[in-house]
Amino acid sequence: MPCVLMFSIAEPTLLLIVVEPSLLYVTYDGAEIVPVVGS
């Protein structure tokens, strides 16, 4: 049971580590494009 508990805690963390950079990249990419469209 502790193993499952550890996994259920570790998996979202791993998911965050994988997804966060791509979200940041998309946000940065959007920030690059939006001002150009705004002006």
C-alpha atoms as a PDB file:
ATOM      1  CA  MET A   1       0.000   0.000   0.000  1.00  0.00           C
ATOM      2  CA  PRO A   2       2.733   2.559   0.797  1.00  0.00           C
ATOM      3  CA  CYS A   3       4.144   1.870  -2.656  1.00  0.00           C
ATOM      4  CA  VAL A   4       0.848   2.828  -4.290  1.00  0.00           C
ATOM      5  CA  LEU A   5       0.630   5.921  -2.103  1.00  0.00           C
ATOM      6  CA  MET A   6       4.134   6.994  -3.104  1.00  0.00           C
ATOM      7  CA  PHE A   7       3.303   6.413  -6.753  1.00  0.00           C
ATOM      8  CA  SER A   8       0.098   8.455  -6.531  1.00  0.00           C
ATOM      9  CA  ILE A   9       2.152  11.310  -5.066  1.00  0.00           C
ATOM     10  CA  ALA A  10       5.084  10.934  -7.468  1.00  0.00           C
ATOM     11  CA  GLU A  11       3.079  10.657 -10.682  1.00  0.00           C
ATOM     12  CA  PRO A  12       1.469  14.135 -10.574  1.00  0.00           C
ATOM     13  CA  THR A  13       4.888  15.544  -9.688  1.00  0.00           C
ATOM     14  CA  LEU A  14       6.480  13.851 -12.687  1.00  0.00           C
ATOM     15  CA  LEU A  15       3.595  15.021 -14.842  1.00  0.00           C
ATOM     16  CA  LEU A  16       4.199  18.581 -13.638  1.00  0.00           C
ATOM     17  CA  ILE A  17       7.903  18.309 -14.417  1.00  0.00           C
ATOM     18  CA  VAL A  18       7.069  17.141 -17.944  1.00  0.00           C
ATOM     19  CA  VAL A  19       4.124  19.457 -18.660  1.00  0.00           C
ATOM     20  CA  GLU A  20       5.355  22.638 -16.949  1.00  0.00           C
ATOM     21  CA  PRO A  21       8.222  23.351 -19.395  1.00  0.00           C
ATOM     22  CA  SER A  22       5.931  22.933 -22.400  1.00  0.00           C
ATOM     23  CA  LEU A  23       3.349  25.226 -20.775  1.00  0.00           C
ATOM     24  CA  LEU A  24       6.063  27.774 -20.086  1.00  0.00           C
ATOM     25  CA  TYR A  25       7.257  27.437 -23.674  1.00  0.00           C
ATOM     26  CA  VAL A  26       3.748  27.959 -25.023  1.00  0.00           C
ATOM     27  CA  THR A  27       3.253  30.963 -22.727  1.00  0.00           C
ATOM     28  CA  TYR A  28       6.598  32.417 -23.818  1.00  0.00           C
ATOM     29  CA  ASP A  29       5.767  31.719 -27.446  1.00  0.00           C
ATOM     30  CA  GLY A  30       2.415  33.461 -27.003  1.00  0.00           C
ATOM     31  CA  ALA A  31       4.105  36.430 -25.328  1.00  0.00           C
ATOM     32  CA  GLU A  32       6.361  36.702 -28.371  1.00  0.00           C
ATOM     33  CA  ILE A  33       3.438  36.712 -30.791  1.00  0.00           C
ATOM     34  CA  VAL A  34       0.737  38.686 -28.923  1.00  0.00           C
ATOM     35  CA  PRO A  35       2.556  42.066 -28.783  1.00  0.00           C
ATOM     36  CA  VAL A  36       3.162  41.863 -32.535  1.00  0.00           C
ATOM     37  CA  VAL A  37      -0.542  41.227 -33.151  1.00  0.00           C
ATOM     38  CA  GLY A  38      -1.469  43.959 -30.636  1.00  0.00           C
ATOM     39  CA  SER A  39       0.586  46.590 -32.406  1.00  0.00           C
END
